[in-house]
N, C-alpha and C. Protein backbone atom coordinates (compact mmCIF):
# COMPACT_ATOMS: atom_id res chain seq x y z
N MET A 1 -12.20 10.12 19.44
CA MET A 1 -13.39 11.40 18.90
C MET A 1 -12.56 11.92 18.26
N GLN A 2 -13.02 11.57 17.59
CA GLN A 2 -12.18 12.68 16.48
C GLN A 2 -13.50 14.00 16.15
N GLY A 3 -12.77 14.45 15.53
CA GLY A 3 -13.39 15.93 14.76
C GLY A 3 -12.67 16.73 14.48
N ASP A 4 -13.60 17.68 14.45
CA ASP A 4 -13.00 18.63 12.09
C ASP A 4 -13.24 20.23 13.23
N ILE A 5 -12.74 20.89 14.38
CA ILE A 5 -13.12 21.94 14.80
C ILE A 5 -12.94 23.11 13.68
N ASP A 6 -14.21 23.80 12.96
CA ASP A 6 -14.12 25.29 12.31
C ASP A 6 -12.59 26.04 12.66
N ALA A 7 -12.43 26.40 11.89
CA ALA A 7 -11.23 26.92 10.92
C ALA A 7 -10.99 27.93 12.45
N PHE A 8 -9.80 28.85 12.83
CA PHE A 8 -9.50 29.64 13.55
C PHE A 8 -9.68 30.90 12.85
N GLU A 9 -10.25 33.04 13.67
CA GLU A 9 -10.85 33.72 12.50
C GLU A 9 -9.55 34.10 13.11
N VAL A 10 -9.40 35.10 14.13
CA VAL A 10 -8.70 35.91 14.76
C VAL A 10 -7.49 35.70 14.52
N GLY A 11 -6.89 36.38 12.81
CA GLY A 11 -5.50 36.92 12.91
C GLY A 11 -4.75 35.16 11.44
N SER A 12 -5.26 34.36 11.93
CA SER A 12 -4.25 32.91 11.94
C SER A 12 -4.52 32.88 10.67
N TYR A 13 -3.63 31.66 10.29
CA TYR A 13 -3.24 30.93 8.91
C TYR A 13 -4.22 29.73 9.71
N VAL A 14 -4.80 29.28 9.77
CA VAL A 14 -4.57 28.43 9.91
C VAL A 14 -6.47 27.90 9.16
N HIS A 15 -6.32 26.25 8.69
CA HIS A 15 -7.23 26.45 8.88
C HIS A 15 -8.72 25.25 9.24
N ARG A 16 -8.02 24.36 9.19
CA ARG A 16 -8.61 23.09 9.93
C ARG A 16 -7.88 21.97 10.97
N THR A 17 -8.44 22.53 12.05
CA THR A 17 -8.08 21.42 12.54
C THR A 17 -8.54 20.55 12.94
N TYR A 18 -7.86 19.19 13.03
CA TYR A 18 -8.70 17.50 13.50
C TYR A 18 -7.65 17.12 15.01
N TYR A 19 -8.55 16.44 15.28
CA TYR A 19 -8.33 16.36 16.65
C TYR A 19 -8.79 14.38 17.29
N ASP A 20 -7.34 13.19 17.89
CA ASP A 20 -7.89 12.09 17.68
C ASP A 20 -7.35 11.85 19.25
N ASN A 21 -8.46 11.07 20.15
CA ASN A 21 -7.39 11.20 21.74
C ASN A 21 -8.02 9.18 22.27
N ARG A 22 -6.82 8.89 21.95
CA ARG A 22 -6.71 7.36 23.02
C ARG A 22 -6.49 7.36 24.53
N THR A 23 -6.77 6.93 25.01
CA THR A 23 -6.97 7.52 27.06
C THR A 23 -6.44 5.77 27.89
N ALA A 24 -6.59 4.63 26.69
CA ALA A 24 -6.24 3.80 27.67
C ALA A 24 -4.64 3.55 27.33
N SER A 25 -4.07 2.53 28.03
CA SER A 25 -3.34 1.32 27.99
C SER A 25 -2.41 0.68 26.90
N TYR A 26 -1.96 0.91 26.15
CA TYR A 26 -0.99 0.24 24.96
C TYR A 26 0.48 -0.68 25.21
N THR A 27 0.83 -1.19 24.45
CA THR A 27 1.81 -2.00 25.45
C THR A 27 2.28 -2.94 23.39
N ALA A 28 3.07 -2.72 22.75
CA ALA A 28 3.73 -2.93 21.55
C ALA A 28 3.26 -4.69 21.26
N PRO A 29 3.24 -5.37 21.32
CA PRO A 29 3.09 -6.80 21.14
C PRO A 29 4.74 -7.40 21.90
N LEU A 30 5.40 -7.04 20.25
CA LEU A 30 7.05 -7.57 20.17
C LEU A 30 8.04 -6.38 21.03
N ALA A 31 8.89 -6.29 21.18
CA ALA A 31 9.96 -5.81 21.79
C ALA A 31 11.15 -5.38 20.23
N ASP A 32 11.54 -4.72 20.09
CA ASP A 32 12.19 -4.25 18.15
C ASP A 32 11.79 -4.29 17.33
N SER A 33 10.12 -3.54 17.39
CA SER A 33 9.36 -3.90 16.37
C SER A 33 8.73 -3.40 15.78
N TRP A 34 8.03 -2.36 14.91
CA TRP A 34 6.75 -1.44 15.19
C TRP A 34 5.18 -1.92 15.30
N SER A 35 5.04 -1.63 15.49
CA SER A 35 3.17 -1.83 16.14
C SER A 35 2.10 -0.15 16.36
N GLU A 36 0.54 0.12 15.30
CA GLU A 36 0.51 0.98 14.61
C GLU A 36 -0.17 0.28 16.93
N VAL A 37 -0.19 2.37 17.01
CA VAL A 37 -1.30 2.91 18.52
C VAL A 37 -2.75 2.50 17.75
N PRO A 38 -3.34 1.53 18.12
CA PRO A 38 -4.63 1.16 18.06
C PRO A 38 -5.59 1.85 18.23
N ASP A 39 -6.80 3.03 17.37
CA ASP A 39 -7.01 3.33 17.99
C ASP A 39 -7.30 4.46 17.51
N LEU A 40 -6.32 5.24 17.29
CA LEU A 40 -6.19 6.58 17.22
C LEU A 40 -5.51 6.54 16.10
N LEU A 41 -6.41 7.48 14.99
CA LEU A 41 -5.99 7.64 13.51
C LEU A 41 -6.58 9.20 13.01
N ILE A 42 -6.71 10.08 12.33
CA ILE A 42 -7.31 11.08 11.70
C ILE A 42 -6.90 10.52 10.10
N LEU A 43 -8.06 11.32 9.75
CA LEU A 43 -8.08 11.50 8.34
C LEU A 43 -8.84 13.34 8.22
N PHE A 44 -7.94 13.39 7.25
CA PHE A 44 -8.08 15.65 7.50
C PHE A 44 -7.70 15.61 5.57
N GLN A 45 -8.46 16.99 5.62
CA GLN A 45 -8.19 17.01 3.59
C GLN A 45 -6.94 18.57 3.65
N VAL A 46 -6.07 17.92 3.03
CA VAL A 46 -5.80 19.10 2.02
C VAL A 46 -5.87 20.60 1.00
N GLU A 47 -6.42 21.60 1.41
CA GLU A 47 -6.41 22.35 -0.26
C GLU A 47 -5.50 23.10 -0.59
N PRO A 48 -5.60 23.41 -1.78
CA PRO A 48 -4.31 24.59 -2.54
C PRO A 48 -3.89 25.13 -2.02
N GLY A 49 -2.35 24.70 -1.82
CA GLY A 49 -1.96 26.45 -0.82
C GLY A 49 -1.21 25.69 0.50
N GLU A 50 -2.12 24.37 0.89
CA GLU A 50 -1.94 24.56 2.55
C GLU A 50 -0.78 23.74 2.84
N SER A 51 -0.86 23.64 4.45
CA SER A 51 0.74 23.26 4.91
C SER A 51 -0.33 21.61 5.61
N VAL A 52 0.65 20.81 6.58
CA VAL A 52 0.17 20.06 7.34
C VAL A 52 1.03 20.35 8.50
N TYR A 53 0.55 20.04 9.90
CA TYR A 53 1.55 20.35 11.10
C TYR A 53 0.65 19.19 11.83
N PHE A 54 1.41 18.37 12.88
CA PHE A 54 1.14 17.22 12.75
C PHE A 54 2.02 18.01 15.09
N LEU A 55 1.25 16.66 15.73
CA LEU A 55 1.17 17.33 17.11
C LEU A 55 1.21 16.47 17.23
N PHE A 56 0.91 14.28 18.14
CA PHE A 56 1.59 14.07 18.97
C PHE A 56 1.90 14.30 20.04
N ALA A 57 0.87 14.04 21.07
CA ALA A 57 1.82 13.12 22.70
C ALA A 57 1.06 12.55 23.07
N SER A 58 1.85 12.02 24.34
CA SER A 58 1.70 10.45 25.18
C SER A 58 2.85 10.88 26.81
N ARG A 59 2.53 10.24 27.72
CA ARG A 59 2.44 9.13 28.63
C ARG A 59 3.16 8.08 28.12
N VAL A 60 4.50 7.59 28.76
CA VAL A 60 5.36 7.05 28.60
C VAL A 60 5.50 6.09 29.77
N TYR A 61 5.75 4.79 30.01
CA TYR A 61 5.51 3.88 30.95
C TYR A 61 6.87 3.23 30.72
N LEU A 62 8.15 3.22 31.30
CA LEU A 62 9.51 2.50 30.75
C LEU A 62 9.52 1.64 32.40
N HIS A 63 10.13 0.64 31.66
CA HIS A 63 10.35 -0.89 32.98
C HIS A 63 11.68 -1.59 32.01
N PRO A 64 12.38 -1.41 32.19
CA PRO A 64 13.54 -1.56 31.54
C PRO A 64 14.20 -2.96 32.36
N ASP A 65 14.67 -4.30 30.41
CA ASP A 65 15.29 -5.27 30.91
C ASP A 65 16.31 -5.45 31.03
N THR A 66 17.34 -3.96 30.48
CA THR A 66 18.50 -4.29 30.26
C THR A 66 18.82 -3.79 30.17
N GLY A 67 20.50 -2.69 30.09
CA GLY A 67 21.27 -1.85 30.50
C GLY A 67 20.50 -0.35 29.99
N THR A 68 19.97 0.02 28.49
CA THR A 68 19.14 0.92 28.21
C THR A 68 17.70 0.63 28.27
N TYR A 69 17.11 1.91 28.64
CA TYR A 69 15.68 1.41 27.47
C TYR A 69 15.03 2.15 26.79
N PHE A 70 14.41 2.09 25.53
CA PHE A 70 13.81 3.46 25.05
C PHE A 70 12.52 3.03 24.61
N MET A 71 11.89 3.77 23.90
CA MET A 71 10.25 3.24 23.05
C MET A 71 10.72 4.85 22.44
N ARG A 72 10.20 4.55 20.92
CA ARG A 72 10.43 5.02 19.64
C ARG A 72 8.65 5.90 19.63
N PHE A 73 8.84 6.21 18.53
CA PHE A 73 7.13 6.95 17.17
C PHE A 73 7.81 7.08 16.64
N ARG A 74 6.64 7.57 15.69
CA ARG A 74 7.11 7.18 13.85
C ARG A 74 5.17 8.42 14.17
N LEU A 75 5.70 8.97 13.03
CA LEU A 75 3.97 9.05 12.14
C LEU A 75 4.11 8.60 10.56
N ILE A 76 3.23 7.89 10.15
CA ILE A 76 2.86 6.99 8.64
C ILE A 76 1.33 8.08 8.36
N ILE A 77 2.32 8.04 7.03
CA ILE A 77 1.02 9.17 6.94
C ILE A 77 0.45 7.92 4.84
N ASP A 78 -0.95 8.44 4.52
CA ASP A 78 -0.53 7.41 3.67
C ASP A 78 -0.55 5.73 3.55
N ASP A 79 -0.45 5.29 4.49
CA ASP A 79 0.26 3.95 4.66
C ASP A 79 2.37 4.37 4.49
N VAL A 80 3.12 5.04 4.21
CA VAL A 80 4.36 5.77 3.83
C VAL A 80 4.62 6.28 5.89
N VAL A 81 5.14 5.90 5.38
CA VAL A 81 6.95 5.97 7.11
C VAL A 81 7.28 6.46 7.17
N ILE A 82 6.82 8.21 7.57
CA ILE A 82 7.96 9.11 7.93
C ILE A 82 9.14 9.17 8.49
N ASP A 83 9.88 8.97 8.32
CA ASP A 83 11.00 8.66 9.27
C ASP A 83 11.62 10.19 9.78
N GLN A 84 10.80 10.87 9.10
CA GLN A 84 11.72 12.20 9.56
C GLN A 84 11.32 13.79 11.19
N SER A 85 10.01 11.73 10.86
CA SER A 85 8.94 12.50 12.43
C SER A 85 9.57 11.42 13.56
N ALA A 86 10.96 10.64 13.03
CA ALA A 86 11.27 9.62 14.37
C ALA A 86 11.22 10.66 15.59
N THR A 87 10.72 10.16 16.84
CA THR A 87 11.18 10.88 18.45
C THR A 87 10.89 9.48 19.39
N SER A 88 12.33 9.49 20.48
CA SER A 88 11.82 9.03 21.17
C SER A 88 12.34 8.70 22.93
N VAL A 89 12.18 8.25 23.72
CA VAL A 89 12.19 8.82 24.76
C VAL A 89 13.26 7.16 25.27
N GLY A 90 13.76 7.94 26.62
CA GLY A 90 14.22 6.36 27.22
C GLY A 90 15.70 7.20 28.04
N GLY A 91 16.76 6.05 28.55
CA GLY A 91 17.82 5.91 29.16
C GLY A 91 17.92 4.78 29.44
N ALA A 92 19.71 4.99 30.72
CA ALA A 92 20.37 4.21 30.41
C ALA A 92 19.77 4.03 31.77
N ALA A 93 19.66 2.13 32.36
CA ALA A 93 18.22 1.71 33.61
C ALA A 93 19.46 2.04 34.43
N VAL A 94 18.93 3.17 35.60
CA VAL A 94 18.95 3.24 36.28
C VAL A 94 18.66 3.31 37.29
N ILE A 95 17.11 3.13 37.14
CA ILE A 95 16.07 3.40 39.09
C ILE A 95 14.53 1.61 37.47
N SER A 96 14.02 1.36 38.39
CA SER A 96 13.07 0.33 38.14
C SER A 96 12.02 0.15 37.21
N TYR A 97 12.19 1.27 36.94
CA TYR A 97 11.16 2.05 36.36
C TYR A 97 10.90 3.49 36.06
N ALA A 98 10.03 3.64 34.92
CA ALA A 98 10.52 5.65 34.64
C ALA A 98 9.45 6.37 33.85
N TYR A 99 8.84 7.03 34.26
CA TYR A 99 7.28 7.92 33.44
C TYR A 99 7.81 8.18 32.29
N PHE A 100 8.13 9.09 31.16
CA PHE A 100 8.30 9.77 30.00
C PHE A 100 6.97 10.50 29.85
N SER A 101 7.63 12.13 29.22
CA SER A 101 6.08 12.34 28.38
C SER A 101 7.17 12.86 27.40
N VAL A 102 5.90 12.26 25.95
CA VAL A 102 6.92 12.38 24.55
C VAL A 102 6.10 13.12 23.65
N THR A 103 7.26 14.17 22.90
CA THR A 103 5.60 14.77 22.28
C THR A 103 7.04 14.73 20.84
N LEU A 104 6.51 14.33 20.22
CA LEU A 104 6.60 14.61 18.41
C LEU A 104 5.65 15.74 17.35
N GLN A 105 6.22 16.03 16.94
CA GLN A 105 6.12 17.08 16.42
C GLN A 105 6.92 17.07 14.45
N TYR A 106 5.61 17.82 13.78
CA TYR A 106 5.77 17.43 12.01
C TYR A 106 5.28 18.32 11.72
N LYS A 107 5.93 19.23 10.45
CA LYS A 107 5.03 19.88 9.48
C LYS A 107 5.56 19.22 8.49
N ASP A 108 4.57 19.21 6.26
CA ASP A 108 5.13 19.33 5.87
C ASP A 108 4.03 20.22 4.86
N SER A 109 4.82 20.03 3.62
CA SER A 109 4.53 21.50 2.67
C SER A 109 4.56 20.45 1.68
N SER A 110 4.85 19.31 0.93
CA SER A 110 4.65 18.51 0.19
C SER A 110 3.34 18.23 0.04
N ILE A 111 2.34 17.37 0.96
CA ILE A 111 1.37 16.67 0.98
C ILE A 111 0.10 17.23 0.72
N THR A 112 -0.48 16.10 -1.05
CA THR A 112 -0.76 17.30 -2.38
C THR A 112 -2.29 17.29 -1.58
N VAL A 113 -3.21 17.99 -2.70
CA VAL A 113 -4.72 17.73 -2.54
C VAL A 113 -5.52 16.64 -2.48
N GLY A 114 -6.29 16.55 -1.32
CA GLY A 114 -6.71 15.96 -1.01
C GLY A 114 -7.03 15.30 0.38
N THR A 115 -7.62 14.34 0.45
CA THR A 115 -8.14 12.97 1.77
C THR A 115 -6.66 12.34 1.80
N HIS A 116 -6.00 12.28 3.14
CA HIS A 116 -5.11 12.16 3.89
C HIS A 116 -5.50 11.03 5.41
N GLU A 117 -4.89 10.03 5.42
CA GLU A 117 -4.73 9.60 6.47
C GLU A 117 -3.81 9.89 7.41
N VAL A 118 -3.23 10.12 8.57
CA VAL A 118 -2.32 10.11 9.39
C VAL A 118 -2.35 9.15 10.74
N LYS A 119 -1.28 7.65 11.13
CA LYS A 119 -1.24 7.34 12.23
C LYS A 119 0.28 6.65 12.71
N VAL A 120 -0.20 6.58 13.96
CA VAL A 120 0.93 6.46 14.72
C VAL A 120 2.03 5.11 15.10
N GLU A 121 2.64 4.58 14.68
CA GLU A 121 3.26 3.57 15.11
C GLU A 121 3.87 3.76 16.52
N THR A 122 4.61 3.13 16.71
CA THR A 122 5.75 2.28 18.57
C THR A 122 6.18 1.79 17.96
N MET A 123 7.77 1.72 18.64
CA MET A 123 7.98 0.55 19.56
C MET A 123 9.03 0.11 20.44
N ARG A 124 8.82 -0.22 21.01
CA ARG A 124 9.60 -0.91 22.25
C ARG A 124 10.45 -1.36 22.64
N GLU A 125 11.77 -0.65 23.65
CA GLU A 125 13.53 -1.79 23.82
C GLU A 125 13.23 -1.41 25.42
N CYS A 126 12.33 -2.24 25.71
CA CYS A 126 12.98 -2.96 27.23
C CYS A 126 11.52 -4.08 27.32
N ASP A 127 10.82 -3.87 28.36
CA ASP A 127 10.47 -4.75 29.34
C ASP A 127 8.54 -5.25 28.57
N ALA A 128 8.24 -5.99 28.19
CA ALA A 128 7.03 -5.98 27.75
C ALA A 128 5.68 -5.63 29.03
N THR A 129 6.31 -5.18 30.07
CA THR A 129 5.28 -3.90 31.01
C THR A 129 4.78 -2.90 30.88
N SER A 130 6.11 -2.56 29.73
CA SER A 130 6.38 -1.52 28.78
C SER A 130 4.68 -1.03 29.02
N ASN A 131 4.46 0.27 28.90
CA ASN A 131 3.52 0.96 27.74
C ASN A 131 3.25 1.81 27.36
N ILE A 132 2.59 2.69 26.94
CA ILE A 132 2.02 4.43 26.39
C ILE A 132 0.44 4.44 26.92
N ASP A 133 0.01 5.28 27.52
CA ASP A 133 -1.20 6.13 27.23
C ASP A 133 -1.53 7.24 27.83
N ARG A 134 -2.89 8.02 27.28
CA ARG A 134 -2.65 9.41 27.22
C ARG A 134 -2.42 10.42 26.41
N CYS A 135 -2.72 9.33 24.75
CA CYS A 135 -2.55 9.22 23.82
C CYS A 135 -3.06 10.64 23.33
N SER A 136 -2.82 11.48 22.48
CA SER A 136 -3.67 12.46 22.05
C SER A 136 -2.93 13.18 19.95
N LEU A 137 -3.36 13.27 19.47
CA LEU A 137 -3.11 14.06 17.65
C LEU A 137 -3.91 14.33 17.70
N LEU A 138 -3.48 16.29 17.30
CA LEU A 138 -2.66 16.99 16.30
C LEU A 138 -2.89 16.97 14.99
N VAL A 139 -3.23 17.87 13.67
CA VAL A 139 -4.16 17.82 13.01
C VAL A 139 -3.66 19.28 12.15
N GLN A 140 -3.37 19.82 12.10
CA GLN A 140 -3.96 21.24 11.16
C GLN A 140 -3.43 21.66 10.23
N THR A 141 -3.81 22.14 9.08
CA THR A 141 -3.84 22.64 7.54
C THR A 141 -3.96 24.00 8.15
N TYR A 142 -2.38 24.88 7.06
CA TYR A 142 -2.71 26.14 7.07
C TYR A 142 -2.00 26.51 6.36
N ILE A 143 -2.09 28.09 5.91
CA ILE A 143 -1.30 28.81 4.89
C ILE A 143 0.27 29.16 5.58
N PRO A 144 1.51 28.22 5.01
CA PRO A 144 2.36 29.61 4.88
C PRO A 144 2.30 30.52 5.75
């Protein structure tokens, strides 16, 4: 479900809001390798003078197979990896499994005028039974 929600009016400088979500679980096919979260993509429009705010949130289930276990996330904008957006969840293996909430926020004032695409990539450093679900991705264009 992707959509363009009308601009906010009450004193806000937000111009457009875009949203997509994925409720199904997903496990990255290979450990220690980045993979795109399927069915989670937003096409968004940037107008002159606008900056862009990104928000990704998900639930993460981690099952450790070594002393430490992590799941990492980052944004891909127009097929360019945005390393500054990277975040991770995890820790030392003191329990057999754990649920985490992950939130990734990023803003960019240098995105050019036009139509752009954003995706999310993930990498697991843990057992193959680890997965993510309940993913949501939000993009807002605004005047800073």
